[in-house]
Amino acid sequence: MPAFDGLAFVKAIQEKSAPGGGPPPWVAHMRVMEENLIESVEPGRLVTNWTPGPQFTVNDGYVQGGLLSAMADGGQFTALMSMFTEFEVWVTMDLHTRFVRPIKGGSAVRIESVVLNKSKTNAVVESTFSVDGKLAAKVTGGWRKIEQGRAEQLKSPGG
């Protein structure tokens, strides 16, 4: 397996110069990169600043809760990727989301994703959402590494 510098790759995402021409399809579809900007990255830690637009709110103007889980999922994988020395495929096994206070559309949200533990095949990553320094939500994710051969099988029809 060729060497892969995950930290350099995430920094290229931050600088909008990542190879491959853009973000993952779900990020492009939701257009969250326009409003979710990487503040800092170091191995196992990612901090982003997000200002959710009105398209992410429900009728009362607050951000839809499931979107926070999706944002955490993406941030957690990126925090994991920052630790890679070779390309790896990791999948979310579970997410536990604890909502503390609602997030109003247009608020400046700080999202910090930190790898709490990573073994050869499993990881636990936590994302914290805060507004004005106050906790809004905490999402803990369980992650599992998929071996390359199995990952290729999953891509094929019927896999």
N, C-alpha and C. Protein backbone atom coordinates (compact mmCIF):
# COMPACT_ATOMS: atom_id res chain seq x y z
N MET A 1 0.84 -1.18 0.00
CA MET A 1 0.00 0.00 0.00
C MET A 1 0.89 1.24 0.00
N PRO A 2 0.67 2.16 -0.93
CA PRO A 2 1.51 3.35 -0.99
C PRO A 2 1.26 4.26 0.23
N ALA A 3 2.27 5.04 0.56
CA ALA A 3 2.16 5.96 1.69
C ALA A 3 1.08 7.00 1.39
N PHE A 4 0.40 7.42 2.43
CA PHE A 4 -0.64 8.43 2.33
C PHE A 4 -0.49 9.33 3.54
N ASP A 5 -0.39 10.61 3.31
CA ASP A 5 -0.26 11.56 4.40
C ASP A 5 -1.62 12.18 4.67
N GLY A 6 -2.35 11.59 5.61
CA GLY A 6 -3.70 12.04 5.92
C GLY A 6 -3.74 13.48 6.40
N LEU A 7 -2.78 13.87 7.22
CA LEU A 7 -2.75 15.25 7.72
C LEU A 7 -2.57 16.24 6.57
N ALA A 8 -1.67 15.94 5.66
CA ALA A 8 -1.45 16.82 4.50
C ALA A 8 -2.71 16.87 3.63
N PHE A 9 -3.40 15.75 3.50
CA PHE A 9 -4.62 15.71 2.70
C PHE A 9 -5.69 16.60 3.32
N VAL A 10 -5.86 16.52 4.65
CA VAL A 10 -6.87 17.35 5.31
C VAL A 10 -6.50 18.83 5.21
N LYS A 11 -5.20 19.14 5.32
CA LYS A 11 -4.77 20.53 5.16
C LYS A 11 -5.04 21.01 3.73
N ALA A 12 -4.94 20.12 2.74
CA ALA A 12 -5.27 20.49 1.37
C ALA A 12 -6.76 20.77 1.23
N ILE A 13 -7.59 20.01 1.96
CA ILE A 13 -9.02 20.30 1.99
C ILE A 13 -9.24 21.69 2.56
N GLN A 14 -8.54 22.00 3.65
CA GLN A 14 -8.65 23.31 4.29
C GLN A 14 -8.30 24.43 3.31
N GLU A 15 -7.27 24.19 2.50
CA GLU A 15 -6.81 25.20 1.54
C GLU A 15 -7.56 25.12 0.21
N LYS A 16 -8.55 24.21 0.14
CA LYS A 16 -9.36 23.99 -1.07
C LYS A 16 -8.51 23.58 -2.26
N SER A 17 -7.47 22.77 -1.99
CA SER A 17 -6.61 22.28 -3.06
C SER A 17 -6.45 20.77 -3.02
N ALA A 18 -7.42 20.08 -2.42
CA ALA A 18 -7.33 18.62 -2.30
C ALA A 18 -7.43 17.96 -3.66
N PRO A 19 -6.64 16.88 -3.86
CA PRO A 19 -6.75 16.14 -5.12
C PRO A 19 -8.13 15.51 -5.24
N GLY A 20 -8.56 15.30 -6.45
CA GLY A 20 -9.86 14.67 -6.66
C GLY A 20 -10.94 15.66 -7.04
N GLY A 21 -10.63 16.95 -6.97
CA GLY A 21 -11.54 17.95 -7.49
C GLY A 21 -12.66 18.40 -6.58
N GLY A 22 -12.71 17.95 -5.35
CA GLY A 22 -13.77 18.49 -4.50
C GLY A 22 -14.13 17.59 -3.35
N PRO A 23 -15.16 18.00 -2.65
CA PRO A 23 -15.58 17.27 -1.45
C PRO A 23 -16.32 15.98 -1.81
N PRO A 24 -16.58 15.14 -0.81
CA PRO A 24 -17.38 13.93 -1.05
C PRO A 24 -18.76 14.32 -1.60
N PRO A 25 -19.42 13.42 -2.32
CA PRO A 25 -20.70 13.74 -2.94
C PRO A 25 -21.76 14.29 -1.97
N TRP A 26 -21.87 13.72 -0.76
CA TRP A 26 -22.90 14.20 0.17
C TRP A 26 -22.62 15.63 0.61
N VAL A 27 -21.33 15.98 0.75
CA VAL A 27 -20.96 17.34 1.15
C VAL A 27 -21.28 18.31 0.01
N ALA A 28 -20.96 17.92 -1.21
CA ALA A 28 -21.25 18.77 -2.37
C ALA A 28 -22.76 18.97 -2.52
N HIS A 29 -23.53 17.90 -2.35
CA HIS A 29 -24.99 17.98 -2.50
C HIS A 29 -25.60 18.93 -1.47
N MET A 30 -25.15 18.82 -0.24
CA MET A 30 -25.71 19.66 0.83
C MET A 30 -25.08 21.05 0.87
N ARG A 31 -23.98 21.23 0.15
CA ARG A 31 -23.26 22.51 0.10
C ARG A 31 -22.80 22.97 1.48
N VAL A 32 -22.43 22.04 2.34
CA VAL A 32 -22.00 22.45 3.69
C VAL A 32 -20.59 23.02 3.70
N MET A 33 -19.77 22.75 2.67
CA MET A 33 -18.42 23.31 2.67
C MET A 33 -18.43 24.82 2.49
N GLU A 34 -19.51 25.34 1.92
CA GLU A 34 -19.62 26.79 1.75
C GLU A 34 -19.76 27.49 3.10
N GLU A 35 -20.27 26.76 4.10
CA GLU A 35 -20.54 27.35 5.40
C GLU A 35 -19.77 26.70 6.54
N ASN A 36 -19.06 25.62 6.27
CA ASN A 36 -18.32 24.89 7.30
C ASN A 36 -16.84 24.95 6.95
N LEU A 37 -16.11 25.83 7.59
CA LEU A 37 -14.72 26.08 7.23
C LEU A 37 -13.77 25.52 8.28
N ILE A 38 -12.72 24.87 7.82
CA ILE A 38 -11.74 24.30 8.73
C ILE A 38 -10.92 25.43 9.35
N GLU A 39 -10.93 25.47 10.67
CA GLU A 39 -10.13 26.44 11.42
C GLU A 39 -8.73 25.89 11.68
N SER A 40 -8.68 24.65 12.16
CA SER A 40 -7.39 24.04 12.44
C SER A 40 -7.50 22.52 12.36
N VAL A 41 -6.34 21.92 12.09
CA VAL A 41 -6.26 20.47 12.03
C VAL A 41 -4.89 20.05 12.56
N GLU A 42 -4.91 18.99 13.33
CA GLU A 42 -3.68 18.35 13.80
C GLU A 42 -4.03 16.86 13.88
N PRO A 43 -3.05 15.99 14.01
CA PRO A 43 -3.37 14.56 14.02
C PRO A 43 -4.42 14.22 15.08
N GLY A 44 -5.55 13.70 14.62
CA GLY A 44 -6.61 13.28 15.53
C GLY A 44 -7.53 14.38 16.03
N ARG A 45 -7.42 15.58 15.47
CA ARG A 45 -8.25 16.70 15.94
C ARG A 45 -8.56 17.64 14.78
N LEU A 46 -9.84 17.98 14.65
CA LEU A 46 -10.30 18.89 13.61
C LEU A 46 -11.23 19.91 14.25
N VAL A 47 -11.01 21.18 13.96
CA VAL A 47 -11.90 22.24 14.43
C VAL A 47 -12.42 22.98 13.21
N THR A 48 -13.75 23.08 13.12
CA THR A 48 -14.37 23.82 12.03
C THR A 48 -15.30 24.89 12.60
N ASN A 49 -15.57 25.89 11.78
CA ASN A 49 -16.53 26.93 12.10
C ASN A 49 -17.64 26.86 11.07
N TRP A 50 -18.87 26.76 11.55
CA TRP A 50 -20.02 26.55 10.68
C TRP A 50 -21.08 27.59 10.97
N THR A 51 -21.57 28.22 9.94
CA THR A 51 -22.71 29.13 10.07
C THR A 51 -23.83 28.54 9.24
N PRO A 52 -24.74 27.78 9.88
CA PRO A 52 -25.79 27.12 9.11
C PRO A 52 -26.76 28.11 8.48
N GLY A 53 -26.96 27.93 7.18
CA GLY A 53 -27.90 28.78 6.44
C GLY A 53 -29.33 28.34 6.69
N PRO A 54 -30.29 29.11 6.18
CA PRO A 54 -31.71 28.80 6.40
C PRO A 54 -32.13 27.46 5.79
N GLN A 55 -31.38 26.97 4.80
CA GLN A 55 -31.74 25.69 4.19
C GLN A 55 -31.55 24.52 5.14
N PHE A 56 -30.88 24.74 6.28
CA PHE A 56 -30.63 23.67 7.24
C PHE A 56 -31.56 23.76 8.45
N THR A 57 -32.56 24.64 8.39
CA THR A 57 -33.44 24.83 9.54
C THR A 57 -34.83 24.25 9.27
N VAL A 58 -35.54 24.03 10.36
CA VAL A 58 -36.95 23.65 10.27
C VAL A 58 -37.76 24.94 10.38
N ASN A 59 -39.07 24.83 10.41
CA ASN A 59 -39.95 26.02 10.34
C ASN A 59 -39.70 27.04 11.44
N ASP A 60 -39.21 26.61 12.58
CA ASP A 60 -39.00 27.56 13.69
C ASP A 60 -37.64 28.27 13.61
N GLY A 61 -36.84 27.97 12.58
CA GLY A 61 -35.56 28.64 12.40
C GLY A 61 -34.38 27.97 13.08
N TYR A 62 -34.63 26.81 13.71
CA TYR A 62 -33.55 26.07 14.36
C TYR A 62 -33.04 24.96 13.44
N VAL A 63 -31.77 24.62 13.59
CA VAL A 63 -31.14 23.60 12.75
C VAL A 63 -31.76 22.24 13.06
N GLN A 64 -32.05 21.49 12.01
CA GLN A 64 -32.61 20.15 12.14
C GLN A 64 -31.58 19.25 12.81
N GLY A 65 -31.97 18.53 13.84
CA GLY A 65 -31.04 17.75 14.67
C GLY A 65 -30.27 16.68 13.93
N GLY A 66 -30.91 16.01 12.98
CA GLY A 66 -30.21 14.96 12.24
C GLY A 66 -29.04 15.50 11.44
N LEU A 67 -29.12 16.76 11.05
CA LEU A 67 -28.02 17.37 10.32
C LEU A 67 -26.78 17.46 11.20
N LEU A 68 -26.97 17.71 12.49
CA LEU A 68 -25.80 17.75 13.39
C LEU A 68 -25.09 16.41 13.41
N SER A 69 -25.86 15.34 13.40
CA SER A 69 -25.25 14.00 13.36
C SER A 69 -24.47 13.81 12.06
N ALA A 70 -25.04 14.26 10.94
CA ALA A 70 -24.34 14.14 9.66
C ALA A 70 -23.06 14.97 9.65
N MET A 71 -23.13 16.18 10.21
CA MET A 71 -21.94 17.03 10.28
C MET A 71 -20.87 16.38 11.17
N ALA A 72 -21.30 15.80 12.28
CA ALA A 72 -20.36 15.13 13.17
C ALA A 72 -19.71 13.94 12.47
N ASP A 73 -20.50 13.17 11.73
CA ASP A 73 -20.00 12.01 11.02
C ASP A 73 -18.87 12.42 10.06
N GLY A 74 -19.09 13.47 9.30
CA GLY A 74 -18.06 13.95 8.37
C GLY A 74 -16.83 14.48 9.08
N GLY A 75 -17.03 15.24 10.15
CA GLY A 75 -15.91 15.78 10.92
C GLY A 75 -15.11 14.68 11.60
N GLN A 76 -15.81 13.68 12.10
CA GLN A 76 -15.13 12.58 12.78
C GLN A 76 -14.26 11.80 11.80
N PHE A 77 -14.79 11.52 10.61
CA PHE A 77 -13.97 10.80 9.64
C PHE A 77 -12.75 11.64 9.27
N THR A 78 -12.93 12.94 9.11
CA THR A 78 -11.81 13.80 8.75
C THR A 78 -10.76 13.83 9.85
N ALA A 79 -11.19 13.85 11.11
CA ALA A 79 -10.25 13.79 12.23
C ALA A 79 -9.48 12.46 12.19
N LEU A 80 -10.19 11.37 11.91
CA LEU A 80 -9.52 10.06 11.77
C LEU A 80 -8.53 10.09 10.62
N MET A 81 -8.96 10.63 9.47
CA MET A 81 -8.10 10.66 8.29
C MET A 81 -6.81 11.41 8.56
N SER A 82 -6.87 12.41 9.42
CA SER A 82 -5.66 13.19 9.71
C SER A 82 -4.57 12.36 10.38
N MET A 83 -4.91 11.14 10.80
CA MET A 83 -3.94 10.25 11.44
C MET A 83 -3.41 9.18 10.50
N PHE A 84 -3.97 9.09 9.29
CA PHE A 84 -3.60 8.01 8.36
C PHE A 84 -2.19 8.20 7.81
N THR A 85 -1.46 7.09 7.73
CA THR A 85 -0.17 7.07 7.03
C THR A 85 -0.28 6.24 5.75
N GLU A 86 -1.44 5.63 5.56
CA GLU A 86 -1.79 4.95 4.31
C GLU A 86 -3.29 5.10 4.17
N PHE A 87 -3.78 5.00 2.95
CA PHE A 87 -5.21 5.17 2.75
C PHE A 87 -5.96 4.04 3.44
N GLU A 88 -6.98 4.38 4.19
CA GLU A 88 -7.78 3.39 4.92
C GLU A 88 -9.26 3.71 4.72
N VAL A 89 -10.07 2.67 4.79
CA VAL A 89 -11.52 2.82 4.70
C VAL A 89 -12.10 2.54 6.09
N TRP A 90 -12.77 3.53 6.66
CA TRP A 90 -13.42 3.41 7.96
C TRP A 90 -14.90 3.72 7.79
N VAL A 91 -15.74 2.99 8.50
CA VAL A 91 -17.19 3.23 8.44
C VAL A 91 -17.71 3.50 9.84
N THR A 92 -18.78 4.26 9.90
CA THR A 92 -19.44 4.56 11.16
C THR A 92 -20.21 3.34 11.61
N MET A 93 -19.98 2.92 12.83
CA MET A 93 -20.74 1.80 13.39
C MET A 93 -21.92 2.32 14.21
N ASP A 94 -21.75 3.44 14.89
CA ASP A 94 -22.85 4.04 15.64
C ASP A 94 -22.53 5.50 15.93
N LEU A 95 -23.56 6.26 16.16
CA LEU A 95 -23.43 7.64 16.59
C LEU A 95 -24.41 7.84 17.75
N HIS A 96 -23.92 8.46 18.81
CA HIS A 96 -24.79 8.81 19.93
C HIS A 96 -24.79 10.33 20.02
N THR A 97 -25.95 10.93 19.82
CA THR A 97 -26.05 12.38 19.84
C THR A 97 -26.81 12.83 21.07
N ARG A 98 -26.20 13.74 21.81
CA ARG A 98 -26.84 14.34 22.98
C ARG A 98 -27.03 15.83 22.66
N PHE A 99 -28.30 16.25 22.54
CA PHE A 99 -28.61 17.65 22.29
C PHE A 99 -28.73 18.37 23.62
N VAL A 100 -28.04 19.49 23.76
CA VAL A 100 -28.06 20.26 25.00
C VAL A 100 -28.93 21.51 24.85
N ARG A 101 -28.76 22.21 23.72
CA ARG A 101 -29.57 23.39 23.43
C ARG A 101 -29.69 23.50 21.91
N PRO A 102 -30.80 24.08 21.43
CA PRO A 102 -30.98 24.20 19.99
C PRO A 102 -30.01 25.21 19.38
N ILE A 103 -29.74 25.01 18.10
CA ILE A 103 -28.86 25.91 17.35
C ILE A 103 -29.72 26.66 16.34
N LYS A 104 -29.72 27.95 16.43
CA LYS A 104 -30.49 28.82 15.53
C LYS A 104 -29.74 28.97 14.21
N GLY A 105 -30.45 28.94 13.10
CA GLY A 105 -29.84 29.21 11.81
C GLY A 105 -29.14 30.56 11.85
N GLY A 106 -27.98 30.64 11.21
CA GLY A 106 -27.21 31.88 11.20
C GLY A 106 -26.25 32.03 12.37
N SER A 107 -26.32 31.12 13.34
CA SER A 107 -25.40 31.17 14.49
C SER A 107 -24.00 30.73 14.09
N ALA A 108 -23.01 31.28 14.76
CA ALA A 108 -21.63 30.84 14.56
C ALA A 108 -21.40 29.62 15.43
N VAL A 109 -21.23 28.47 14.81
CA VAL A 109 -21.08 27.20 15.52
C VAL A 109 -19.64 26.72 15.39
N ARG A 110 -19.06 26.36 16.51
CA ARG A 110 -17.71 25.78 16.52
C ARG A 110 -17.88 24.29 16.71
N ILE A 111 -17.27 23.51 15.83
CA ILE A 111 -17.35 22.04 15.91
C ILE A 111 -15.94 21.51 16.08
N GLU A 112 -15.72 20.79 17.16
CA GLU A 112 -14.41 20.18 17.41
C GLU A 112 -14.59 18.67 17.44
N SER A 113 -13.87 17.98 16.57
CA SER A 113 -13.91 16.51 16.52
C SER A 113 -12.54 15.99 16.94
N VAL A 114 -12.55 15.08 17.93
CA VAL A 114 -11.31 14.57 18.52
C VAL A 114 -11.37 13.05 18.57
N VAL A 115 -10.30 12.41 18.10
CA VAL A 115 -10.19 10.96 18.20
C VAL A 115 -9.81 10.64 19.65
N LEU A 116 -10.72 9.97 20.36
CA LEU A 116 -10.47 9.62 21.76
C LEU A 116 -9.63 8.36 21.88
N ASN A 117 -9.86 7.42 20.97
CA ASN A 117 -9.12 6.16 20.99
C ASN A 117 -9.14 5.56 19.59
N LYS A 118 -8.00 5.05 19.16
CA LYS A 118 -7.91 4.40 17.85
C LYS A 118 -7.00 3.20 17.98
N SER A 119 -7.54 2.04 17.61
CA SER A 119 -6.74 0.83 17.54
C SER A 119 -6.57 0.48 16.06
N LYS A 120 -6.10 -0.73 15.78
CA LYS A 120 -5.91 -1.13 14.38
C LYS A 120 -7.23 -1.19 13.62
N THR A 121 -8.32 -1.54 14.31
CA THR A 121 -9.58 -1.74 13.61
C THR A 121 -10.77 -0.96 14.17
N ASN A 122 -10.63 -0.31 15.31
CA ASN A 122 -11.74 0.41 15.93
C ASN A 122 -11.30 1.78 16.40
N ALA A 123 -12.26 2.69 16.45
CA ALA A 123 -11.97 4.03 16.96
C ALA A 123 -13.21 4.60 17.62
N VAL A 124 -12.97 5.49 18.57
CA VAL A 124 -14.03 6.28 19.19
C VAL A 124 -13.66 7.73 18.98
N VAL A 125 -14.61 8.49 18.41
CA VAL A 125 -14.36 9.89 18.09
C VAL A 125 -15.52 10.71 18.65
N GLU A 126 -15.20 11.88 19.17
CA GLU A 126 -16.22 12.73 19.77
C GLU A 126 -16.24 14.10 19.09
N SER A 127 -17.43 14.58 18.79
CA SER A 127 -17.60 15.92 18.22
C SER A 127 -18.41 16.77 19.19
N THR A 128 -17.93 17.98 19.42
CA THR A 128 -18.60 18.92 20.31
C THR A 128 -19.03 20.14 19.49
N PHE A 129 -20.30 20.49 19.60
CA PHE A 129 -20.85 21.67 18.93
C PHE A 129 -21.08 22.74 20.00
N SER A 130 -20.53 23.93 19.78
CA SER A 130 -20.76 25.00 20.75
C SER A 130 -21.09 26.30 20.02
N VAL A 131 -21.91 27.11 20.69
CA VAL A 131 -22.31 28.42 20.20
C VAL A 131 -22.04 29.41 21.31
N ASP A 132 -21.30 30.46 21.01
CA ASP A 132 -20.93 31.47 22.01
C ASP A 132 -20.29 30.84 23.24
N GLY A 133 -19.46 29.80 23.02
CA GLY A 133 -18.76 29.14 24.11
C GLY A 133 -19.62 28.20 24.94
N LYS A 134 -20.89 28.04 24.58
CA LYS A 134 -21.79 27.16 25.32
C LYS A 134 -22.04 25.88 24.54
N LEU A 135 -22.01 24.76 25.24
CA LEU A 135 -22.25 23.46 24.63
C LEU A 135 -23.66 23.40 24.04
N ALA A 136 -23.77 22.99 22.78
CA ALA A 136 -25.06 22.82 22.12
C ALA A 136 -25.37 21.34 21.87
N ALA A 137 -24.34 20.56 21.54
CA ALA A 137 -24.53 19.13 21.28
C ALA A 137 -23.19 18.41 21.37
N LYS A 138 -23.27 17.13 21.71
CA LYS A 138 -22.08 16.29 21.75
C LYS A 138 -22.45 14.99 21.05
N VAL A 139 -21.59 14.58 20.11
CA VAL A 139 -21.83 13.37 19.33
C VAL A 139 -20.63 12.45 19.47
N THR A 140 -20.87 11.23 19.95
CA THR A 140 -19.82 10.24 20.07
C THR A 140 -20.05 9.18 19.00
N GLY A 141 -19.00 8.87 18.25
CA GLY A 141 -19.11 7.89 17.18
C GLY A 141 -18.19 6.71 17.39
N GLY A 142 -18.70 5.53 17.06
CA GLY A 142 -17.90 4.32 17.02
C GLY A 142 -17.57 4.03 15.57
N TRP A 143 -16.32 3.73 15.29
CA TRP A 143 -15.82 3.55 13.93
C TRP A 143 -15.13 2.20 13.79
N ARG A 144 -15.19 1.64 12.58
CA ARG A 144 -14.58 0.34 12.29
C ARG A 144 -13.83 0.43 10.97
N LYS A 145 -12.61 -0.08 10.97
CA LYS A 145 -11.82 -0.13 9.74
C LYS A 145 -12.28 -1.32 8.90
N ILE A 146 -12.43 -1.06 7.61
CA ILE A 146 -12.79 -2.11 6.66
C ILE A 146 -11.54 -2.44 5.86
N GLU A 147 -11.19 -3.71 5.82
CA GLU A 147 -10.01 -4.12 5.06
C GLU A 147 -10.21 -3.84 3.59
N GLN A 148 -9.14 -3.47 2.88
CA GLN A 148 -9.21 -3.07 1.48
C GLN A 148 -9.93 -4.09 0.62
N GLY A 149 -9.64 -5.36 0.76
CA GLY A 149 -10.30 -6.38 -0.05
C GLY A 149 -11.80 -6.36 0.16
N ARG A 150 -12.22 -6.23 1.40
CA ARG A 150 -13.65 -6.19 1.72
C ARG A 150 -14.26 -4.89 1.19
N ALA A 151 -13.54 -3.80 1.29
CA ALA A 151 -14.04 -2.52 0.78
C ALA A 151 -14.29 -2.62 -0.72
N GLU A 152 -13.41 -3.28 -1.45
CA GLU A 152 -13.60 -3.45 -2.89
C GLU A 152 -14.83 -4.31 -3.18
N GLN A 153 -15.04 -5.35 -2.36
CA GLN A 153 -16.21 -6.20 -2.54
C GLN A 153 -17.50 -5.40 -2.32
N LEU A 154 -17.48 -4.50 -1.35
CA LEU A 154 -18.66 -3.71 -1.04
C LEU A 154 -19.01 -2.77 -2.18
N LYS A 155 -18.02 -2.36 -2.98
CA LYS A 155 -18.26 -1.47 -4.11
C LYS A 155 -18.95 -2.19 -5.26
N SER A 156 -18.71 -3.50 -5.39
CA SER A 156 -19.25 -4.23 -6.54
C SER A 156 -20.73 -4.56 -6.31
N PRO A 157 -21.52 -4.63 -7.40
CA PRO A 157 -22.93 -5.00 -7.27
C PRO A 157 -23.08 -6.35 -6.60
N GLY A 158 -23.99 -6.43 -5.67
CA GLY A 158 -24.23 -7.69 -4.98
C GLY A 158 -23.27 -7.95 -3.85
N GLY A 159 -22.30 -7.01 -3.57
CA GLY A 159 -21.29 -7.19 -2.52
C GLY A 159 -21.83 -6.95 -1.22
